[in-house]
């Protein structure tokens, strides 16, 4: 089955937040101001104790599904969003992050031709004093070294409902999932800026060494999902890195 560029796909946009009163509104506005309107908007709030719920109440008519309860971390909250999503494709735009323009969903809808592929584009990394474009173009070798920001990824709903985030990984479950899915389907790059990513976020301030389970499992994840050649590539890069450290 294939979809033409005129397909009217339904997107489920999922926002997870906790105590995000300073950031929630700009994220919500970036979703509800999209030109493309076949959208289910899901907000998963971890039972915030600041004024986040007041912001959510202000936009309650624009939110299709609101879950407000305690969770076991960001990926547990994201899995809750997946479980109630009814869109053809899912994208996560968490508190503090926003779509790069009001045309993003329209661009992606017009780019999707094979409904089993994951589609993705560029990320604009927002620092306190600058914005940097991160070209996310990847393959089965690059993904062993660098992840794709989940805010710039559009996943087929059917894939994520079968393979939600693994809560074993507290910081980089999205990287583990991308490696797994790349072994199942193709990732197709769209030359467009998808999101503005707040570099003060959880996964940007916690490097991979703060997720020891991911570090321990990474070679196995690559081997089981991407195969021997990707695994050998990964090992060669690790050896090269250790040699540089030793020489220093």
C-alpha atoms as a PDB file:
ATOM      1  CA  UNK A   1       0.000   0.000   0.000  1.00  0.00           C
ATOM      2  CA  UNK A   2       1.274   3.499  -0.788  1.00  0.00           C
ATOM      3  CA  UNK A   3      -0.028   6.974  -0.119  1.00  0.00           C
ATOM      4  CA  UNK A   4       0.010   9.848  -2.569  1.00  0.00           C
ATOM      5  CA  UNK A   5       1.164  13.333  -1.696  1.00  0.00           C
ATOM      6  CA  UNK A   6      -2.481  14.379  -1.382  1.00  0.00           C
ATOM      7  CA  UNK A   7      -3.099  11.928   1.486  1.00  0.00           C
ATOM      8  CA  UNK A   8      -4.932  13.459   4.413  1.00  0.00           C
ATOM      9  CA  UNK A   9      -3.034  11.636   7.143  1.00  0.00           C
ATOM     10  CA  UNK A  10      -3.989  12.007  10.766  1.00  0.00           C
ATOM     11  CA  UNK A  11      -1.166  13.028  13.102  1.00  0.00           C
ATOM     12  CA  UNK A  12      -1.136  12.442  16.835  1.00  0.00           C
ATOM     13  CA  UNK A  13       1.050  15.088  18.464  1.00  0.00           C
ATOM     14  CA  UNK A  14       2.028  14.092  22.004  1.00  0.00           C
ATOM     15  CA  UNK A  15       3.336  16.542  24.591  1.00  0.00           C
ATOM     16  CA  UNK A  16       4.590  15.344  27.961  1.00  0.00           C
ATOM     17  CA  UNK A  17       5.293  17.799  30.744  1.00  0.00           C
ATOM     18  CA  UNK A  18       5.825  18.199  34.449  1.00  0.00           C
ATOM     19  CA  UNK A  19       5.987  21.516  36.296  1.00  0.00           C
ATOM     20  CA  UNK A  20       6.366  23.285  32.966  1.00  0.00           C
ATOM     21  CA  UNK A  21       4.432  26.483  33.574  1.00  0.00           C
ATOM     22  CA  UNK A  22       7.169  28.595  31.937  1.00  0.00           C
ATOM     23  CA  UNK A  23       7.340  26.499  28.772  1.00  0.00           C
ATOM     24  CA  UNK A  24       3.981  24.804  28.237  1.00  0.00           C
ATOM     25  CA  UNK A  25       2.200  27.615  26.412  1.00  0.00           C
ATOM     26  CA  UNK A  26       4.729  28.098  23.622  1.00  0.00           C
ATOM     27  CA  UNK A  27       4.687  24.368  22.924  1.00  0.00           C
ATOM     28  CA  UNK A  28       0.891  24.198  22.903  1.00  0.00           C
ATOM     29  CA  UNK A  29       0.651  27.213  20.580  1.00  0.00           C
ATOM     30  CA  UNK A  30       3.115  25.691  18.121  1.00  0.00           C
ATOM     31  CA  UNK A  31       0.835  22.650  17.864  1.00  0.00           C
ATOM     32  CA  UNK A  32      -2.566  24.289  17.680  1.00  0.00           C
ATOM     33  CA  UNK A  33      -1.322  26.919  15.195  1.00  0.00           C
ATOM     34  CA  UNK A  34      -0.309  24.334  12.598  1.00  0.00           C
ATOM     35  CA  UNK A  35      -1.881  24.992   9.193  1.00  0.00           C
ATOM     36  CA  UNK A  36      -2.597  21.285   8.867  1.00  0.00           C
ATOM     37  CA  UNK A  37      -5.666  20.430  10.919  1.00  0.00           C
ATOM     38  CA  UNK A  38      -6.133  16.651  10.862  1.00  0.00           C
ATOM     39  CA  UNK A  39      -4.427  16.428  14.241  1.00  0.00           C
ATOM     40  CA  UNK A  40      -5.119  14.701  17.524  1.00  0.00           C
ATOM     41  CA  UNK A  41      -3.407  16.616  20.313  1.00  0.00           C
ATOM     42  CA  UNK A  42      -2.482  14.609  23.420  1.00  0.00           C
ATOM     43  CA  UNK A  43      -0.980  16.133  26.562  1.00  0.00           C
ATOM     44  CA  UNK A  44       0.395  13.935  29.322  1.00  0.00           C
ATOM     45  CA  UNK A  45       1.074  15.877  32.525  1.00  0.00           C
ATOM     46  CA  UNK A  46       2.842  14.181  35.415  1.00  0.00           C
ATOM     47  CA  UNK A  47       0.430  15.734  37.929  1.00  0.00           C
ATOM     48  CA  UNK A  48       2.273  19.065  38.056  1.00  0.00           C
ATOM     49  CA  UNK A  49       2.391  20.977  41.317  1.00  0.00           C
ATOM     50  CA  UNK A  50       3.094  24.455  39.865  1.00  0.00           C
ATOM     51  CA  UNK A  51       0.745  26.443  37.576  1.00  0.00           C
ATOM     52  CA  UNK A  52       1.058  24.089  34.592  1.00  0.00           C
ATOM     53  CA  UNK A  53      -2.526  22.902  35.094  1.00  0.00           C
ATOM     54  CA  UNK A  54      -3.744  26.503  34.797  1.00  0.00           C
ATOM     55  CA  UNK A  55      -2.070  26.754  31.387  1.00  0.00           C
ATOM     56  CA  UNK A  56      -3.639  23.453  30.339  1.00  0.00           C
ATOM     57  CA  UNK A  57      -7.044  24.658  31.488  1.00  0.00           C
ATOM     58  CA  UNK A  58      -6.642  27.765  29.329  1.00  0.00           C
ATOM     59  CA  UNK A  59      -6.220  25.581  26.231  1.00  0.00           C
ATOM     60  CA  UNK A  60      -8.487  22.684  27.206  1.00  0.00           C
ATOM     61  CA  UNK A  61     -10.657  23.155  24.109  1.00  0.00           C
ATOM     62  CA  UNK A  62      -7.575  22.630  21.910  1.00  0.00           C
ATOM     63  CA  UNK A  63      -6.441  19.447  23.640  1.00  0.00           C
ATOM     64  CA  UNK A  64      -8.135  16.242  22.517  1.00  0.00           C
ATOM     65  CA  UNK A  65      -6.774  13.980  25.256  1.00  0.00           C
ATOM     66  CA  UNK A  66      -5.423  15.210  28.588  1.00  0.00           C
ATOM     67  CA  UNK A  67      -3.861  12.803  31.074  1.00  0.00           C
ATOM     68  CA  UNK A  68      -2.759  14.280  34.389  1.00  0.00           C
ATOM     69  CA  UNK A  69      -1.360  11.736  36.828  1.00  0.00           C
ATOM     70  CA  UNK A  70       1.922  10.623  38.332  1.00  0.00           C
ATOM     71  CA  UNK A  71       4.217   8.641  36.068  1.00  0.00           C
ATOM     72  CA  UNK A  72       7.495   6.773  36.215  1.00  0.00           C
ATOM     73  CA  UNK A  73       9.491   9.239  34.158  1.00  0.00           C
ATOM     74  CA  UNK A  74       9.410  10.834  30.738  1.00  0.00           C
ATOM     75  CA  UNK A  75       9.262   7.605  28.714  1.00  0.00           C
ATOM     76  CA  UNK A  76       6.456   6.179  30.835  1.00  0.00           C
ATOM     77  CA  UNK A  77       4.530   9.386  30.107  1.00  0.00           C
ATOM     78  CA  UNK A  78       5.331   9.101  26.392  1.00  0.00           C
ATOM     79  CA  UNK A  79       4.091   5.503  26.389  1.00  0.00           C
ATOM     80  CA  UNK A  80       0.822   6.693  27.919  1.00  0.00           C
ATOM     81  CA  UNK A  81       0.467   9.063  24.988  1.00  0.00           C
ATOM     82  CA  UNK A  82       1.162   6.267  22.522  1.00  0.00           C
ATOM     83  CA  UNK A  83      -1.523   4.093  24.109  1.00  0.00           C
ATOM     84  CA  UNK A  84      -4.309   6.634  23.434  1.00  0.00           C
ATOM     85  CA  UNK A  85      -3.095   7.891  20.045  1.00  0.00           C
ATOM     86  CA  UNK A  86      -5.384   7.328  17.057  1.00  0.00           C
ATOM     87  CA  UNK A  87      -3.292   9.000  14.346  1.00  0.00           C
ATOM     88  CA  UNK A  88      -1.576   7.371  11.388  1.00  0.00           C
ATOM     89  CA  UNK A  89       1.692   8.959  12.535  1.00  0.00           C
ATOM     90  CA  UNK A  90       2.957  10.058  15.938  1.00  0.00           C
ATOM     91  CA  UNK A  91       5.332  12.878  16.841  1.00  0.00           C
ATOM     92  CA  UNK A  92       6.480  14.030  20.284  1.00  0.00           C
ATOM     93  CA  UNK A  93       6.727  17.733  21.021  1.00  0.00           C
ATOM     94  CA  UNK A  94       7.466  17.995  24.710  1.00  0.00           C
ATOM     95  CA  UNK A  95       7.190  21.044  26.943  1.00  0.00           C
ATOM     96  CA  UNK A  96       9.650  23.751  25.907  1.00  0.00           C
ATOM     97  CA  UNK A  97      10.002  22.430  22.359  1.00  0.00           C
ATOM     98  CA  UNK A  98       7.988  23.600  19.367  1.00  0.00           C
ATOM     99  CA  UNK A  99       7.480  23.064  15.681  1.00  0.00           C
ATOM    100  CA  UNK A 100       9.906  25.105  13.590  1.00  0.00           C
ATOM    101  CA  UNK A 101       7.043  26.652  11.603  1.00  0.00           C
ATOM    102  CA  UNK A 102       3.267  26.454  11.205  1.00  0.00           C
ATOM    103  CA  UNK A 103       3.750  24.389   8.023  1.00  0.00           C
ATOM    104  CA  UNK A 104       5.626  21.392   9.453  1.00  0.00           C
ATOM    105  CA  UNK A 105       2.732  18.921   9.541  1.00  0.00           C
ATOM    106  CA  UNK A 106       1.650  20.005   6.076  1.00  0.00           C
ATOM    107  CA  UNK A 107       5.177  19.397   4.751  1.00  0.00           C
ATOM    108  CA  UNK A 108       5.375  15.944   6.335  1.00  0.00           C
ATOM    109  CA  UNK A 109       1.920  14.969   5.106  1.00  0.00           C
ATOM    110  CA  UNK A 110       2.992  15.853   1.565  1.00  0.00           C
ATOM    111  CA  UNK A 111       6.270  13.921   1.974  1.00  0.00           C
ATOM    112  CA  UNK A 112       4.903  10.590   3.163  1.00  0.00           C
ATOM    113  CA  UNK A 113       4.606   8.037   0.369  1.00  0.00           C
ATOM    114  CA  UNK A 114       5.194   4.715   2.157  1.00  0.00           C
ATOM    115  CA  UNK A 115       3.162   4.367   5.382  1.00  0.00           C
ATOM    116  CA  UNK A 116       5.528   1.895   7.074  1.00  0.00           C
ATOM    117  CA  UNK A 117       8.545   4.229   6.934  1.00  0.00           C
ATOM    118  CA  UNK A 118       9.720   6.555   9.697  1.00  0.00           C
ATOM    119  CA  UNK A 119      10.063  10.132   8.401  1.00  0.00           C
ATOM    120  CA  UNK A 120      12.332  12.737   9.944  1.00  0.00           C
ATOM    121  CA  UNK A 121      13.942  16.114   9.324  1.00  0.00           C
ATOM    122  CA  UNK A 122      16.281  18.697  10.849  1.00  0.00           C
ATOM    123  CA  UNK A 123      16.400  19.974  14.409  1.00  0.00           C
ATOM    124  CA  UNK A 124      17.043  23.568  15.419  1.00  0.00           C
ATOM    125  CA  UNK A 125      18.918  23.472  18.713  1.00  0.00           C
ATOM    126  CA  UNK A 126      18.047  26.498  20.827  1.00  0.00           C
ATOM    127  CA  UNK A 127      20.748  27.698  23.224  1.00  0.00           C
ATOM    128  CA  UNK A 128      20.585  30.771  25.458  1.00  0.00           C
ATOM    129  CA  UNK A 129      22.517  32.874  22.933  1.00  0.00           C
ATOM    130  CA  UNK A 130      22.159  31.116  19.563  1.00  0.00           C
ATOM    131  CA  UNK A 131      20.287  28.622  17.393  1.00  0.00           C
ATOM    132  CA  UNK A 132      22.123  25.859  15.544  1.00  0.00           C
ATOM    133  CA  UNK A 133      20.699  23.653  12.792  1.00  0.00           C
ATOM    134  CA  UNK A 134      21.365  19.951  13.313  1.00  0.00           C
ATOM    135  CA  UNK A 135      21.121  17.977  10.084  1.00  0.00           C
ATOM    136  CA  UNK A 136      19.692  14.690  11.300  1.00  0.00           C
ATOM    137  CA  UNK A 137      20.330  12.684   8.112  1.00  0.00           C
ATOM    138  CA  UNK A 138      21.297   9.204   9.272  1.00  0.00           C
ATOM    139  CA  UNK A 139      21.811   5.559   8.348  1.00  0.00           C
ATOM    140  CA  UNK A 140      22.506   2.241  10.097  1.00  0.00           C
ATOM    141  CA  UNK A 141      26.128   3.295  10.769  1.00  0.00           C
ATOM    142  CA  UNK A 142      25.566   6.834  11.991  1.00  0.00           C
ATOM    143  CA  UNK A 143      22.760   5.762  14.345  1.00  0.00           C
ATOM    144  CA  UNK A 144      25.308   3.691  16.274  1.00  0.00           C
ATOM    145  CA  UNK A 145      27.116   6.912  17.170  1.00  0.00           C
ATOM    146  CA  UNK A 146      24.479   9.655  17.129  1.00  0.00           C
ATOM    147  CA  UNK A 147      20.778   9.634  17.901  1.00  0.00           C
ATOM    148  CA  UNK A 148      18.003  11.606  16.146  1.00  0.00           C
ATOM    149  CA  UNK A 149      16.045  14.051  18.288  1.00  0.00           C
ATOM    150  CA  UNK A 150      12.639  12.482  18.835  1.00  0.00           C
ATOM    151  CA  UNK A 151      10.966  15.843  18.229  1.00  0.00           C
ATOM    152  CA  UNK A 152      12.020  15.599  14.582  1.00  0.00           C
ATOM    153  CA  UNK A 153      10.736  12.050  14.021  1.00  0.00           C
ATOM    154  CA  UNK A 154       7.360  10.941  12.693  1.00  0.00           C
ATOM    155  CA  UNK A 155       6.651   7.328  13.578  1.00  0.00           C
ATOM    156  CA  UNK A 156       3.950   5.085  12.084  1.00  0.00           C
ATOM    157  CA  UNK A 157       1.496   4.598  14.920  1.00  0.00           C
ATOM    158  CA  UNK A 158       1.383   0.860  14.368  1.00  0.00           C
ATOM    159  CA  UNK A 159       5.135   0.559  14.992  1.00  0.00           C
ATOM    160  CA  UNK A 160       5.130   2.397  18.306  1.00  0.00           C
ATOM    161  CA  UNK A 161       2.062   0.598  19.603  1.00  0.00           C
ATOM    162  CA  UNK A 162       3.936  -2.662  19.047  1.00  0.00           C
ATOM    163  CA  UNK A 163       7.282  -1.325  20.283  1.00  0.00           C
ATOM    164  CA  UNK A 164       6.841   1.396  22.927  1.00  0.00           C
ATOM    165  CA  UNK A 165       9.746   2.914  24.822  1.00  0.00           C
ATOM    166  CA  UNK A 166      11.725   0.529  26.999  1.00  0.00           C
ATOM    167  CA  UNK A 167      11.627   1.873  30.562  1.00  0.00           C
ATOM    168  CA  UNK A 168      14.920   0.140  31.313  1.00  0.00           C
ATOM    169  CA  UNK A 169      16.546   3.262  29.831  1.00  0.00           C
ATOM    170  CA  UNK A 170      15.873   6.401  31.855  1.00  0.00           C
ATOM    171  CA  UNK A 171      17.506   8.939  29.522  1.00  0.00           C
ATOM    172  CA  UNK A 172      18.020   7.363  26.108  1.00  0.00           C
ATOM    173  CA  UNK A 173      15.091   5.027  25.527  1.00  0.00           C
ATOM    174  CA  UNK A 174      14.408   6.995  22.333  1.00  0.00           C
ATOM    175  CA  UNK A 175      17.867   6.105  20.982  1.00  0.00           C
ATOM    176  CA  UNK A 176      17.334   2.433  21.830  1.00  0.00           C
ATOM    177  CA  UNK A 177      13.976   2.539  20.057  1.00  0.00           C
ATOM    178  CA  UNK A 178      15.444   4.164  16.945  1.00  0.00           C
ATOM    179  CA  UNK A 179      18.098   1.466  16.696  1.00  0.00           C
ATOM    180  CA  UNK A 180      15.423  -1.201  17.045  1.00  0.00           C
ATOM    181  CA  UNK A 181      13.127   0.350  14.443  1.00  0.00           C
ATOM    182  CA  UNK A 182      15.939   0.905  11.961  1.00  0.00           C
ATOM    183  CA  UNK A 183      16.303  -2.857  11.906  1.00  0.00           C
ATOM    184  CA  UNK A 184      12.624  -3.194  11.000  1.00  0.00           C
ATOM    185  CA  UNK A 185      11.875  -0.392   8.556  1.00  0.00           C
ATOM    186  CA  UNK A 186      13.460   2.468   6.621  1.00  0.00           C
ATOM    187  CA  UNK A 187      14.027   5.969   7.959  1.00  0.00           C
ATOM    188  CA  UNK A 188      13.352   8.524   5.218  1.00  0.00           C
ATOM    189  CA  UNK A 189      14.878  11.997   5.478  1.00  0.00           C
ATOM    190  CA  UNK A 190      12.798  15.072   4.637  1.00  0.00           C
ATOM    191  CA  UNK A 191      14.825  18.206   3.932  1.00  0.00           C
ATOM    192  CA  UNK A 192      12.948  20.505   6.282  1.00  0.00           C
ATOM    193  CA  UNK A 193      13.348  22.034   9.735  1.00  0.00           C
ATOM    194  CA  UNK A 194      10.957  20.149  12.000  1.00  0.00           C
ATOM    195  CA  UNK A 195      11.406  21.466  15.500  1.00  0.00           C
ATOM    196  CA  UNK A 196      13.102  23.952  17.750  1.00  0.00           C
ATOM    197  CA  UNK A 197      14.625  21.864  20.498  1.00  0.00           C
ATOM    198  CA  UNK A 198      15.254  23.460  23.884  1.00  0.00           C
ATOM    199  CA  UNK A 199      18.811  22.545  24.888  1.00  0.00           C
ATOM    200  CA  UNK A 200      17.857  22.917  28.554  1.00  0.00           C
ATOM    201  CA  UNK A 201      15.804  19.718  28.298  1.00  0.00           C
ATOM    202  CA  UNK A 202      16.375  16.439  30.138  1.00  0.00           C
ATOM    203  CA  UNK A 203      18.076  14.452  27.392  1.00  0.00           C
ATOM    204  CA  UNK A 204      20.243  17.390  26.302  1.00  0.00           C
ATOM    205  CA  UNK A 205      21.655  17.982  29.775  1.00  0.00           C
ATOM    206  CA  UNK A 206      22.074  14.287  30.657  1.00  0.00           C
ATOM    207  CA  UNK A 207      24.670  12.700  28.437  1.00  0.00           C
ATOM    208  CA  UNK A 208      24.600   9.026  27.604  1.00  0.00           C
ATOM    209  CA  UNK A 209      26.968   8.163  30.428  1.00  0.00           C
ATOM    210  CA  UNK A 210      24.147   8.974  32.845  1.00  0.00           C
ATOM    211  CA  UNK A 211      22.179   6.069  31.383  1.00  0.00           C
ATOM    212  CA  UNK A 212      24.414   3.102  32.299  1.00  0.00           C
ATOM    213  CA  UNK A 213      21.844   0.534  31.180  1.00  0.00           C
ATOM    214  CA  UNK A 214      21.935   2.016  27.696  1.00  0.00           C
ATOM    215  CA  UNK A 215      25.747   2.028  27.641  1.00  0.00           C
ATOM    216  CA  UNK A 216      25.839  -1.590  28.719  1.00  0.00           C
ATOM    217  CA  UNK A 217      23.213  -2.655  26.182  1.00  0.00           C
ATOM    218  CA  UNK A 218      24.315  -0.567  23.205  1.00  0.00           C
ATOM    219  CA  UNK A 219      26.584  -3.199  21.576  1.00  0.00           C
ATOM    220  CA  UNK A 220      23.836  -5.816  21.945  1.00  0.00           C
ATOM    221  CA  UNK A 221      21.212  -3.450  20.542  1.00  0.00           C
ATOM    222  CA  UNK A 222      23.362  -2.799  17.489  1.00  0.00           C
ATOM    223  CA  UNK A 223      24.198  -6.479  16.972  1.00  0.00           C
ATOM    224  CA  UNK A 224      20.623  -7.756  17.279  1.00  0.00           C
ATOM    225  CA  UNK A 225      18.932  -5.008  15.291  1.00  0.00           C
ATOM    226  CA  UNK A 226      21.426  -3.674  12.754  1.00  0.00           C
ATOM    227  CA  UNK A 227      23.609  -6.700  12.075  1.00  0.00           C
ATOM    228  CA  UNK A 228      27.259  -7.629  11.885  1.00  0.00           C
ATOM    229  CA  UNK A 229      28.556  -4.827   9.663  1.00  0.00           C
ATOM    230  CA  UNK A 230      27.050  -2.076  11.828  1.00  0.00           C
ATOM    231  CA  UNK A 231      28.345  -3.853  14.917  1.00  0.00           C
ATOM    232  CA  UNK A 232      31.890  -4.012  13.532  1.00  0.00           C
ATOM    233  CA  UNK A 233      31.675  -0.356  12.529  1.00  0.00           C
ATOM    234  CA  UNK A 234      30.663   0.536  16.076  1.00  0.00           C
ATOM    235  CA  UNK A 235      33.512  -1.509  17.564  1.00  0.00           C
ATOM    236  CA  UNK A 236      36.047   0.092  15.241  1.00  0.00           C
ATOM    237  CA  UNK A 237      34.950   3.564  16.313  1.00  0.00           C
ATOM    238  CA  UNK A 238      35.085   2.575  19.980  1.00  0.00           C
ATOM    239  CA  UNK A 239      38.599   1.219  19.551  1.00  0.00           C
ATOM    240  CA  UNK A 240      39.705   4.364  17.736  1.00  0.00           C
ATOM    241  CA  UNK A 241      38.265   6.535  20.501  1.00  0.00           C
ATOM    242  CA  UNK A 242      40.072   4.526  23.192  1.00  0.00           C
ATOM    243  CA  UNK A 243      43.332   4.801  21.271  1.00  0.00           C
ATOM    244  CA  UNK A 244      42.995   8.575  21.138  1.00  0.00           C
ATOM    245  CA  UNK A 245      42.327   8.732  24.866  1.00  0.00           C
ATOM    246  CA  UNK A 246      45.335   6.493  25.547  1.00  0.00           C
ATOM    247  CA  UNK A 247      47.622   8.699  23.415  1.00  0.00           C
ATOM    248  CA  UNK A 248      46.432  11.817  25.235  1.00  0.00           C
END
